[in-house]
Amino acid sequence: MTGQTASQGSTSGDGSRPKPGTVAVIGGGVSGLAAAWYVKQALPEAAVTVFEGSPRLGGKLAVAEVGGVRVDLGAESILNRRPEAVDLARAVGLADDLVHPATASASVWSRGELVPMPKGHLMGVPGDPSVLTGLLSAAGLRRAEAGPALPSRSRLRTEAETDDIAVGGYVAERFGREVVDRLVEPLLGGVYAGHADEISLRAAVPALVPAFESGQPLDEAVSKILAAQAGAANPKPVFAGIRGGVGRFPVALTESCESAGVTIQRETMVRELTRTAEGWRLVSGPVPSPVAHEFDAVIVAVPGTPAARLLKDAAPAAAAELSGIEYASVALATFVFDDAALPAGSGFLVPPADGRFIKASTFSSVKWSWLGESGKTVVRASVGRHRETADLQREDGELATLALADLRTAIGAPDALGEPVDWHVQRWGGGLPQYAVGHVARVERIRSAVAAQPGLAVCGAAYDGVGIAACVASALRAAREISAGPA
């Protein structure tokens, strides 16, 4: 077995706290790359190594050419209202290529019609139910305007009850089931590919937790939040993109890491992680020919299931919690047309209650001006939700055909979409962690168990958010924990 000898670490300015001299990052997705970048910035003299099991870096962010146009095969936008990801994109040389959507309007494909997305809601929860006119049925609107069918949560709570609740159940209690089915469900599904009746309020819509805890009327709470947002000076656009595709972000991040001296080992699967007297031992390579590596500190930046396997000996309590996080698989079908007539707006969401094949569509060449400049029409459609895998078992051609049929039906003009000049199906198996009720408390338990092991940290989409900004923030947190050295 070959190895890399662990350093005893350097010391801080006052000599009181040793810093790690060698740091391993397991996982080369955007979280792992960001963690390595942050560690190297904080500890320029440290030897930082990223281990990635696949040939490609970037995780679920990627670009490819479809129909002569470079398009994103994964996420195509970054949350702009929190700073971590956009600031890091600037730091790695993408400042001049940060852009914002050309249009913020969207629709809901509900009951066979494209209905404009209502204004004045927070993740589908309205401040005033009247904004849902046109989306809800007459009966559904009356129910939303009628108020809670049951006493408020604060009056119902007992000591035995959890301090979390599913978003769907919470909203349905106040506004009725139709609000959940027609707006909350498709919005949450677009983020998590999950189910509103299972997704945690604390994890998915934390701004509403104070109302949940106090029993404040939900519409009143949303109205105050929206008013505060509207009153903010120079509010930022909600989302940002990158000219040429968000998939350029991990490429630029990789280049910046390597320029700073970070070592990146592709096609190097880490199979074991154990604590040693001096730090940590990683074992990579095939079972017959294992390779051992010694490090002072380790950041585990892989999804929940592989993280659980790695931590089963070093942090068994964390491993048990991580193994309980379920994941959803999704597919993205991208179509490129020479020219196509699209409705106004950036795309539409689809309520699962309508039983359609696709769950959302983005008119990418309308949403992003840099794609529109190609002269082509680019449309994406997403397929798949948590535990609903039958549609994902179809081969690529059939999946694309069914998705295109839904797009044509939604647009409602038989000739609006001709035959695409090219198409691509990208599958992301186990791509989205599910934030079930109690997720925030689960993450606290994971981090507590990990923190008990010196020189160990975790980051990624399994913890504080599935978006790029949340993943980068998670990486920053892990890097700070490691860079600080032992407490």
Protein backbone atom coordinates (compact mmCIF):
# COMPACT_ATOMS: atom_id res chain seq x y z
CA MET A 1 0.00 0.00 0.00
CA THR A 2 1.29 3.41 -0.86
CA GLY A 3 0.55 6.42 1.23
CA GLN A 4 0.82 10.12 1.79
CA THR A 5 2.27 10.94 5.21
CA ALA A 6 0.13 13.12 7.39
CA SER A 7 1.54 16.46 8.46
CA GLN A 8 1.52 17.54 12.07
CA GLY A 9 -0.04 20.78 10.88
CA SER A 10 1.02 24.38 11.17
CA THR A 11 0.09 26.81 13.91
CA SER A 12 -1.98 29.95 13.96
CA GLY A 13 -0.47 33.38 14.44
CA ASP A 14 -0.31 33.09 18.23
CA GLY A 15 0.96 29.52 18.04
CA SER A 16 -1.91 28.24 20.15
CA ARG A 17 -3.99 26.27 17.68
CA PRO A 18 -2.48 23.82 15.22
CA LYS A 19 -3.85 24.01 11.69
CA PRO A 20 -4.12 21.00 9.40
CA GLY A 21 -1.22 20.68 7.01
CA THR A 22 -2.95 18.14 4.77
CA VAL A 23 -6.65 18.16 3.93
CA ALA A 24 -8.66 15.69 1.85
CA VAL A 25 -11.99 16.52 0.24
CA ILE A 26 -13.99 13.45 -0.77
CA GLY A 27 -16.27 14.37 -3.66
CA GLY A 28 -15.67 16.59 -6.67
CA GLY A 29 -19.11 18.10 -7.11
CA VAL A 30 -19.63 21.81 -6.67
CA SER A 31 -19.71 21.39 -2.87
CA GLY A 32 -16.41 19.53 -2.74
CA LEU A 33 -14.67 21.86 -5.18
CA ALA A 34 -15.90 24.90 -3.27
CA ALA A 35 -14.75 23.38 0.03
CA ALA A 36 -11.28 22.74 -1.40
CA TRP A 37 -11.11 26.29 -2.76
CA TYR A 38 -12.09 27.82 0.57
CA VAL A 39 -9.63 25.67 2.54
CA LYS A 40 -6.81 26.64 0.19
CA GLN A 41 -7.69 30.32 0.56
CA ALA A 42 -7.62 30.03 4.35
CA LEU A 43 -4.56 27.75 4.51
CA PRO A 44 -2.35 28.54 1.51
CA GLU A 45 0.46 26.32 2.75
CA ALA A 46 -1.75 23.27 3.28
CA ALA A 47 -1.70 20.38 0.84
CA VAL A 48 -5.31 19.99 -0.30
CA THR A 49 -6.45 16.97 -2.33
CA VAL A 50 -9.85 16.35 -3.92
CA PHE A 51 -10.88 12.74 -4.60
CA GLU A 52 -13.58 12.20 -7.23
CA GLY A 53 -14.75 8.73 -8.17
CA SER A 54 -15.91 9.61 -11.69
CA PRO A 55 -13.92 10.99 -14.64
CA ARG A 56 -15.85 14.25 -14.55
CA LEU A 57 -15.97 16.99 -11.93
CA GLY A 58 -18.93 19.20 -11.15
CA GLY A 59 -21.50 16.68 -9.95
CA LYS A 60 -24.92 17.57 -11.29
CA LEU A 61 -23.75 20.71 -13.08
CA ALA A 62 -22.75 20.15 -16.70
CA VAL A 63 -22.97 21.70 -20.14
CA ALA A 64 -23.10 20.02 -23.53
CA GLU A 65 -23.83 20.90 -27.14
CA VAL A 66 -27.35 20.09 -28.34
CA GLY A 67 -28.36 21.16 -31.83
CA GLY A 68 -25.27 23.34 -32.13
CA VAL A 69 -26.05 25.22 -28.91
CA ARG A 70 -24.22 24.91 -25.59
CA VAL A 71 -26.86 24.23 -22.94
CA ASP A 72 -27.00 23.28 -19.29
CA LEU A 73 -27.78 19.64 -18.56
CA GLY A 74 -28.39 20.32 -14.87
CA ALA A 75 -29.32 23.41 -12.90
CA GLU A 76 -29.35 26.54 -15.04
CA SER A 77 -29.69 29.19 -12.34
CA ILE A 78 -28.21 30.25 -9.01
CA LEU A 79 -30.09 31.86 -6.16
CA ASN A 80 -28.86 35.45 -6.30
CA ARG A 81 -30.38 36.72 -3.07
CA ARG A 82 -27.81 34.93 -0.94
CA PRO A 83 -24.20 35.83 -1.67
CA GLU A 84 -22.07 32.70 -1.41
CA ALA A 85 -22.35 31.19 -4.89
CA VAL A 86 -22.39 34.41 -6.91
CA ASP A 87 -19.48 35.75 -4.87
CA LEU A 88 -17.50 32.58 -5.51
CA ALA A 89 -18.36 32.71 -9.22
CA ARG A 90 -16.92 36.22 -9.31
CA ALA A 91 -13.82 35.09 -7.42
CA VAL A 92 -13.05 32.35 -9.97
CA GLY A 93 -13.29 34.65 -12.96
CA LEU A 94 -16.95 34.60 -13.99
CA ALA A 95 -17.93 38.09 -12.85
CA ASP A 96 -18.40 39.44 -16.38
CA ASP A 97 -20.57 36.46 -17.35
CA LEU A 98 -23.10 36.63 -14.52
CA VAL A 99 -26.52 37.42 -15.98
CA HIS A 100 -30.13 37.53 -14.82
CA PRO A 101 -33.27 36.08 -16.43
CA ALA A 102 -34.74 38.16 -19.22
CA THR A 103 -38.21 37.49 -17.82
CA ALA A 104 -39.46 36.52 -14.38
CA SER A 105 -42.99 35.61 -15.47
CA ALA A 106 -44.09 32.00 -15.59
CA SER A 107 -47.27 29.93 -15.78
CA VAL A 108 -48.96 26.92 -14.25
CA TRP A 109 -50.30 24.31 -16.66
CA SER A 110 -53.45 23.55 -14.74
CA ARG A 111 -56.58 21.78 -15.95
CA GLY A 112 -55.42 22.01 -19.54
CA GLU A 113 -54.64 25.75 -19.56
CA LEU A 114 -51.53 27.85 -19.04
CA VAL A 115 -52.50 30.12 -16.16
CA PRO A 116 -50.18 33.01 -15.22
CA MET A 117 -48.25 32.29 -12.05
CA PRO A 118 -49.96 34.24 -9.27
CA LYS A 119 -48.09 37.10 -7.64
CA GLY A 120 -48.02 37.70 -3.92
CA HIS A 121 -47.14 34.27 -2.60
CA LEU A 122 -44.23 32.65 -0.76
CA MET A 123 -43.47 29.20 -2.18
CA GLY A 124 -47.13 28.99 -3.16
CA VAL A 125 -48.48 30.27 0.16
CA PRO A 126 -50.55 33.41 -0.58
CA GLY A 127 -50.67 36.56 1.48
CA ASP A 128 -54.12 37.20 0.05
CA PRO A 129 -56.07 34.24 -1.37
CA SER A 130 -57.65 36.46 -4.01
CA VAL A 131 -54.36 36.37 -5.97
CA LEU A 132 -55.22 32.74 -6.75
CA THR A 133 -58.26 33.70 -8.81
CA GLY A 134 -58.01 31.94 -12.16
CA LEU A 135 -55.88 29.14 -10.81
CA LEU A 136 -58.29 27.71 -8.25
CA SER A 137 -61.78 26.51 -8.87
CA ALA A 138 -64.61 28.62 -7.45
CA ALA A 139 -64.97 26.15 -4.58
CA GLY A 140 -61.23 26.09 -3.98
CA LEU A 141 -61.09 29.88 -3.85
CA ARG A 142 -63.98 30.03 -1.39
CA ARG A 143 -62.21 27.53 0.82
CA ALA A 144 -58.94 29.50 0.69
CA GLU A 145 -60.73 32.70 1.65
CA ALA A 146 -62.70 31.01 4.45
CA GLY A 147 -59.75 30.51 6.80
CA PRO A 148 -58.64 27.55 8.93
CA ALA A 149 -60.93 24.57 9.13
CA LEU A 150 -59.36 23.65 12.47
CA PRO A 151 -58.08 25.59 15.49
CA SER A 152 -54.64 27.12 15.00
CA ARG A 153 -51.56 24.98 15.36
CA SER A 154 -50.56 26.72 18.60
CA ARG A 155 -53.81 25.63 20.28
CA LEU A 156 -53.53 22.09 18.99
CA ARG A 157 -49.92 21.48 19.93
CA THR A 158 -49.08 19.08 22.75
CA GLU A 159 -45.76 18.23 24.32
CA ALA A 160 -45.65 14.96 22.39
CA GLU A 161 -45.93 16.67 19.01
CA THR A 162 -42.95 17.33 16.81
CA ASP A 163 -41.68 20.88 16.35
CA ASP A 164 -41.86 20.47 12.57
CA ILE A 165 -44.65 19.86 10.08
CA ALA A 166 -45.05 19.03 6.41
CA VAL A 167 -45.55 22.10 4.24
CA GLY A 168 -48.59 20.57 2.54
CA GLY A 169 -50.46 19.79 5.72
CA TYR A 170 -49.73 23.18 7.22
CA VAL A 171 -50.93 25.09 4.16
CA ALA A 172 -53.96 22.86 3.61
CA GLU A 173 -55.14 23.51 7.18
CA ARG A 174 -55.30 27.24 6.48
CA PHE A 175 -56.14 27.49 2.78
CA GLY A 176 -57.52 24.11 1.77
CA ARG A 177 -56.21 21.25 -0.29
CA GLU A 178 -56.55 22.89 -3.67
CA VAL A 179 -53.95 25.56 -2.88
CA VAL A 180 -51.49 22.78 -2.10
CA ASP A 181 -52.34 20.72 -5.18
CA ARG A 182 -52.38 23.59 -7.68
CA LEU A 183 -49.48 25.78 -6.48
CA VAL A 184 -47.48 24.58 -3.47
CA GLU A 185 -47.00 21.07 -4.82
CA PRO A 186 -45.66 22.07 -8.26
CA LEU A 187 -43.39 24.73 -6.75
CA LEU A 188 -41.88 22.39 -4.17
CA GLY A 189 -41.73 19.65 -6.76
CA GLY A 190 -39.69 21.92 -8.99
CA VAL A 191 -37.09 22.32 -6.24
CA TYR A 192 -37.03 18.93 -4.55
CA ALA A 193 -38.86 16.58 -6.95
CA GLY A 194 -40.74 15.59 -3.80
CA HIS A 195 -44.15 15.75 -2.19
CA ALA A 196 -45.57 18.70 -0.27
CA ASP A 197 -47.12 16.37 2.29
CA GLU A 198 -43.69 15.05 3.21
CA ILE A 199 -41.35 18.03 2.86
CA SER A 200 -40.34 19.82 6.06
CA LEU A 201 -41.55 23.35 6.72
CA ARG A 202 -38.42 24.13 8.73
CA ALA A 203 -36.15 22.98 5.94
CA ALA A 204 -38.04 24.21 2.86
CA VAL A 205 -39.80 27.40 3.98
CA PRO A 206 -38.02 28.52 7.18
CA ALA A 207 -39.46 32.03 6.91
CA LEU A 208 -42.82 30.60 7.98
CA VAL A 209 -41.53 28.81 11.07
CA PRO A 210 -42.23 31.76 13.42
CA ALA A 211 -45.86 31.73 12.30
CA PHE A 212 -46.03 27.97 12.83
CA GLU A 213 -44.57 28.29 16.31
CA SER A 214 -46.71 31.22 17.41
CA GLY A 215 -49.96 30.33 15.69
CA GLN A 216 -49.94 33.61 13.75
CA PRO A 217 -52.40 33.50 10.83
CA LEU A 218 -50.53 32.21 7.82
CA ASP A 219 -51.78 34.77 5.33
CA GLU A 220 -50.84 37.56 7.74
CA ALA A 221 -47.32 36.16 8.14
CA VAL A 222 -46.85 35.87 4.38
CA SER A 223 -48.13 39.40 3.80
CA LYS A 224 -45.58 40.80 6.26
CA ILE A 225 -42.73 38.85 4.68
CA LEU A 226 -43.67 39.97 1.18
CA ALA A 227 -44.05 43.59 2.30
CA ALA A 228 -40.59 43.51 3.86
CA GLN A 229 -39.13 42.12 0.67
CA ALA A 230 -40.87 44.74 -1.45
CA GLY A 231 -39.67 47.50 0.87
CA ALA A 232 -36.02 46.49 0.70
CA ALA A 233 -33.75 49.07 -0.87
CA ASN A 234 -32.55 48.02 -4.31
CA PRO A 235 -33.78 44.43 -4.10
CA LYS A 236 -31.59 41.98 -5.97
CA PRO A 237 -32.91 39.79 -8.76
CA VAL A 238 -33.92 36.45 -7.32
CA PHE A 239 -31.82 34.36 -9.70
CA ALA A 240 -28.58 34.62 -11.65
CA GLY A 241 -27.20 32.57 -14.50
CA ILE A 242 -23.88 32.33 -16.28
CA ARG A 243 -23.44 33.18 -19.94
CA GLY A 244 -22.56 29.91 -21.59
CA GLY A 245 -24.26 27.87 -18.87
CA VAL A 246 -24.08 27.41 -15.11
CA GLY A 247 -22.13 24.24 -15.88
CA ARG A 248 -19.16 26.54 -16.50
CA PHE A 249 -19.04 27.29 -12.76
CA PRO A 250 -17.42 24.01 -11.61
CA VAL A 251 -15.04 24.19 -14.59
CA ALA A 252 -13.83 27.63 -13.53
CA LEU A 253 -13.74 26.51 -9.91
CA THR A 254 -11.61 23.50 -10.83
CA GLU A 255 -9.17 25.67 -12.77
CA SER A 256 -8.90 28.10 -9.87
CA CYS A 257 -8.31 25.27 -7.40
CA GLU A 258 -5.58 23.74 -9.52
CA SER A 259 -3.94 27.12 -10.08
CA ALA A 260 -3.82 27.56 -6.30
CA GLY A 261 -2.13 24.20 -5.88
CA VAL A 262 -5.04 21.91 -5.06
CA THR A 263 -4.45 18.34 -6.25
CA ILE A 264 -7.45 16.74 -7.93
CA GLN A 265 -7.58 12.97 -8.37
CA ARG A 266 -10.28 11.93 -10.82
CA GLU A 267 -11.53 8.35 -11.11
CA THR A 268 -10.35 7.75 -7.56
CA MET A 269 -13.13 6.30 -5.44
CA VAL A 270 -12.56 6.53 -1.69
CA ARG A 271 -13.86 3.31 -0.13
CA GLU A 272 -12.79 3.63 3.50
CA LEU A 273 -12.26 6.39 6.04
CA THR A 274 -10.80 5.66 9.46
CA ARG A 275 -9.47 7.66 12.36
CA THR A 276 -5.77 7.29 13.20
CA ALA A 277 -3.63 8.55 16.06
CA GLU A 278 -2.41 11.42 13.92
CA GLY A 279 -5.44 12.15 11.75
CA TRP A 280 -7.28 10.23 9.06
CA ARG A 281 -6.60 7.37 6.68
CA LEU A 282 -8.40 7.11 3.35
CA VAL A 283 -8.33 3.98 1.23
CA SER A 284 -8.98 4.26 -2.49
CA GLY A 285 -8.60 2.02 -5.51
CA PRO A 286 -9.85 -1.48 -6.24
CA VAL A 287 -10.09 -4.02 -3.43
CA PRO A 288 -7.19 -6.16 -4.75
CA SER A 289 -4.89 -3.11 -4.98
CA PRO A 290 -5.86 -0.61 -2.27
CA VAL A 291 -4.04 2.68 -1.88
CA ALA A 292 -3.82 4.36 1.54
CA HIS A 293 -3.62 8.11 2.03
CA GLU A 294 -2.98 9.89 5.34
CA PHE A 295 -4.40 13.34 6.10
CA ASP A 296 -4.76 15.68 9.03
CA ALA A 297 -8.35 16.59 8.15
CA VAL A 298 -11.12 15.40 5.85
CA ILE A 299 -14.23 17.00 4.37
CA VAL A 300 -16.85 14.49 3.18
CA ALA A 301 -18.73 16.10 0.28
CA VAL A 302 -20.68 13.20 -1.21
CA PRO A 303 -24.44 12.39 -1.02
CA GLY A 304 -26.02 10.82 2.04
CA THR A 305 -25.69 7.13 1.17
CA PRO A 306 -21.97 7.11 0.27
CA ALA A 307 -21.30 9.51 3.15
CA ALA A 308 -22.97 7.05 5.51
CA ARG A 309 -20.74 4.24 4.24
CA LEU A 310 -17.61 6.31 4.78
CA LEU A 311 -18.61 7.43 8.27
CA LYS A 312 -19.96 4.13 9.59
CA ASP A 313 -16.88 3.52 11.77
CA ALA A 314 -15.64 7.04 12.45
CA ALA A 315 -19.04 8.60 13.23
CA PRO A 316 -21.67 5.85 13.42
CA ALA A 317 -24.41 8.11 14.77
CA ALA A 318 -23.95 10.49 11.82
CA ALA A 319 -23.87 7.55 9.42
CA ALA A 320 -27.16 6.22 10.75
CA GLU A 321 -28.82 9.60 10.25
CA LEU A 322 -27.38 10.04 6.76
CA SER A 323 -28.60 6.63 5.66
CA GLY A 324 -32.15 7.76 6.46
CA ILE A 325 -32.13 10.58 3.90
CA GLU A 326 -34.02 9.48 0.79
CA TYR A 327 -33.26 10.73 -2.71
CA ALA A 328 -35.33 11.39 -5.83
CA SER A 329 -34.22 10.68 -9.39
CA VAL A 330 -35.09 13.00 -12.27
CA ALA A 331 -34.50 13.39 -15.98
CA LEU A 332 -34.20 16.54 -18.07
CA ALA A 333 -35.20 16.48 -21.73
CA THR A 334 -33.75 19.35 -23.78
CA PHE A 335 -35.12 20.19 -27.23
CA VAL A 336 -33.56 22.55 -29.76
CA PHE A 337 -35.70 23.92 -32.63
CA ASP A 338 -34.67 26.08 -35.56
CA ASP A 339 -37.62 28.29 -34.72
CA ALA A 340 -40.65 27.80 -32.52
CA ALA A 341 -43.48 29.99 -31.29
CA LEU A 342 -43.61 29.96 -27.49
CA PRO A 343 -46.04 31.59 -25.09
CA ALA A 344 -44.84 34.59 -23.10
CA GLY A 345 -42.79 33.91 -20.01
CA SER A 346 -39.97 31.67 -18.90
CA GLY A 347 -41.94 28.41 -18.80
CA PHE A 348 -44.48 26.62 -16.66
CA LEU A 349 -44.99 24.26 -13.72
CA VAL A 350 -47.32 21.28 -13.75
CA PRO A 351 -49.53 20.20 -10.80
CA PRO A 352 -49.00 16.45 -10.31
CA ALA A 353 -52.72 16.18 -9.64
CA ASP A 354 -53.30 16.55 -13.39
CA GLY A 355 -51.38 13.35 -14.15
CA ARG A 356 -49.13 14.77 -16.86
CA PHE A 357 -45.86 13.15 -17.90
CA ILE A 358 -43.69 16.21 -17.34
CA LYS A 359 -43.59 18.20 -14.09
CA ALA A 360 -42.19 21.48 -15.43
CA SER A 361 -40.82 23.17 -18.52
CA THR A 362 -38.39 26.03 -19.07
CA PHE A 363 -38.32 28.13 -22.22
CA SER A 364 -34.56 28.48 -21.87
CA SER A 365 -33.93 30.64 -24.94
CA VAL A 366 -36.58 33.07 -23.71
CA LYS A 367 -35.40 33.05 -20.11
CA TRP A 368 -31.70 33.57 -20.92
CA SER A 369 -30.78 36.18 -23.50
CA TRP A 370 -27.43 34.53 -24.26
CA LEU A 371 -29.29 31.43 -25.44
CA GLY A 372 -31.74 33.53 -27.44
CA GLU A 373 -28.79 35.05 -29.28
CA SER A 374 -28.07 31.61 -30.76
CA GLY A 375 -31.05 32.03 -33.10
CA LYS A 376 -32.41 28.69 -31.90
CA THR A 377 -35.35 27.92 -29.64
CA VAL A 378 -34.33 25.88 -26.59
CA VAL A 379 -36.95 24.23 -24.38
CA ARG A 380 -36.38 21.96 -21.37
CA ALA A 381 -38.80 19.61 -19.64
CA SER A 382 -38.29 17.72 -16.38
CA VAL A 383 -39.60 14.27 -15.52
CA GLY A 384 -39.64 12.29 -12.29
CA ARG A 385 -40.56 12.68 -8.63
CA HIS A 386 -39.63 10.98 -5.39
CA ARG A 387 -40.57 7.29 -5.46
CA GLU A 388 -42.25 7.72 -8.86
CA THR A 389 -39.72 6.00 -11.07
CA ALA A 390 -41.80 4.20 -13.69
CA ASP A 391 -41.50 7.03 -16.21
CA LEU A 392 -37.74 7.12 -15.73
CA GLN A 393 -37.48 3.47 -16.77
CA ARG A 394 -38.36 4.42 -20.35
CA GLU A 395 -35.54 4.58 -22.87
CA ASP A 396 -34.37 8.03 -23.95
CA GLY A 397 -36.28 8.18 -27.21
CA GLU A 398 -39.61 7.27 -25.65
CA LEU A 399 -39.06 9.66 -22.75
CA ALA A 400 -38.28 12.51 -25.15
CA THR A 401 -41.31 11.69 -27.33
CA LEU A 402 -43.70 11.74 -24.36
CA ALA A 403 -42.19 14.95 -23.00
CA LEU A 404 -42.49 16.66 -26.38
CA ALA A 405 -46.11 15.56 -26.67
CA ASP A 406 -46.87 17.21 -23.34
CA LEU A 407 -45.10 20.38 -24.41
CA ARG A 408 -47.17 20.58 -27.59
CA THR A 409 -50.39 20.00 -25.66
CA ALA A 410 -49.50 22.65 -23.08
CA ILE A 411 -48.66 25.28 -25.66
CA GLY A 412 -51.95 24.53 -27.37
CA ALA A 413 -50.93 25.45 -30.91
CA PRO A 414 -50.40 22.34 -33.05
CA ASP A 415 -47.81 24.01 -35.27
CA ALA A 416 -46.04 26.03 -32.57
CA LEU A 417 -43.44 23.31 -32.03
CA GLY A 418 -42.26 21.56 -35.14
CA GLU A 419 -39.73 18.77 -35.11
CA PRO A 420 -36.64 19.51 -33.04
CA VAL A 421 -33.32 19.65 -34.84
CA ASP A 422 -31.84 17.83 -31.86
CA TRP A 423 -32.70 16.64 -28.38
CA HIS A 424 -30.94 15.25 -25.33
CA VAL A 425 -32.08 13.37 -22.24
CA GLN A 426 -29.99 13.78 -19.12
CA ARG A 427 -30.70 11.51 -16.17
CA TRP A 428 -29.74 12.38 -12.62
CA GLY A 429 -30.19 9.20 -10.62
CA GLY A 430 -30.59 9.91 -6.91
CA GLY A 431 -30.06 13.56 -7.68
CA LEU A 432 -32.20 15.34 -5.11
CA PRO A 433 -32.22 14.69 -1.34
CA GLN A 434 -35.64 14.73 0.30
CA TYR A 435 -36.02 17.07 3.25
CA ALA A 436 -38.58 15.12 5.24
CA VAL A 437 -40.25 16.44 8.38
CA GLY A 438 -37.57 16.64 11.05
CA HIS A 439 -34.75 17.22 8.54
CA VAL A 440 -33.30 20.25 10.32
CA ALA A 441 -33.05 18.34 13.60
CA ARG A 442 -31.52 15.39 11.70
CA VAL A 443 -28.83 17.66 10.27
CA GLU A 444 -28.08 19.04 13.73
CA ARG A 445 -27.55 15.50 14.99
CA ILE A 446 -25.30 14.67 12.05
CA ARG A 447 -23.15 17.73 12.56
CA SER A 448 -22.95 17.13 16.30
CA ALA A 449 -21.70 13.59 15.75
CA VAL A 450 -19.21 14.72 13.09
CA ALA A 451 -17.95 17.60 15.24
CA ALA A 452 -17.02 15.12 17.95
CA GLN A 453 -14.29 13.84 15.60
CA PRO A 454 -11.42 16.36 15.27
CA GLY A 455 -10.54 17.27 11.71
CA LEU A 456 -13.78 16.01 10.17
CA ALA A 457 -16.54 17.99 8.42
CA VAL A 458 -19.36 17.36 5.96
CA CYS A 459 -21.02 19.45 3.26
CA GLY A 460 -23.33 19.14 0.29
CA ALA A 461 -26.96 19.16 -0.78
CA ALA A 462 -28.02 16.73 1.95
CA TYR A 463 -27.82 19.35 4.69
CA ASP A 464 -28.99 22.95 4.29
CA GLY A 465 -30.45 23.26 0.80
CA VAL A 466 -30.38 21.59 -2.60
CA GLY A 467 -29.53 24.68 -4.66
CA ILE A 468 -26.08 25.80 -5.76
CA ALA A 469 -26.00 28.71 -3.33
CA ALA A 470 -26.86 26.48 -0.38
CA CYS A 471 -24.25 23.91 -1.43
CA VAL A 472 -21.55 26.57 -1.64
CA ALA A 473 -22.60 27.94 1.76
CA SER A 474 -22.37 24.42 3.17
CA ALA A 475 -18.87 24.09 1.71
CA LEU A 476 -17.82 27.40 3.23
CA ARG A 477 -19.03 26.27 6.63
CA ALA A 478 -17.12 22.98 6.39
CA ALA A 479 -13.96 24.73 5.23
CA ARG A 480 -14.12 27.14 8.17
CA GLU A 481 -14.54 24.27 10.59
CA ILE A 482 -11.49 22.51 9.19
CA SER A 483 -9.35 25.62 8.75
CA ALA A 484 -9.88 26.69 12.34
CA GLY A 485 -8.04 23.62 13.58
CA PRO A 486 -9.00 21.85 16.80
CA ALA A 487 -10.92 23.85 19.35
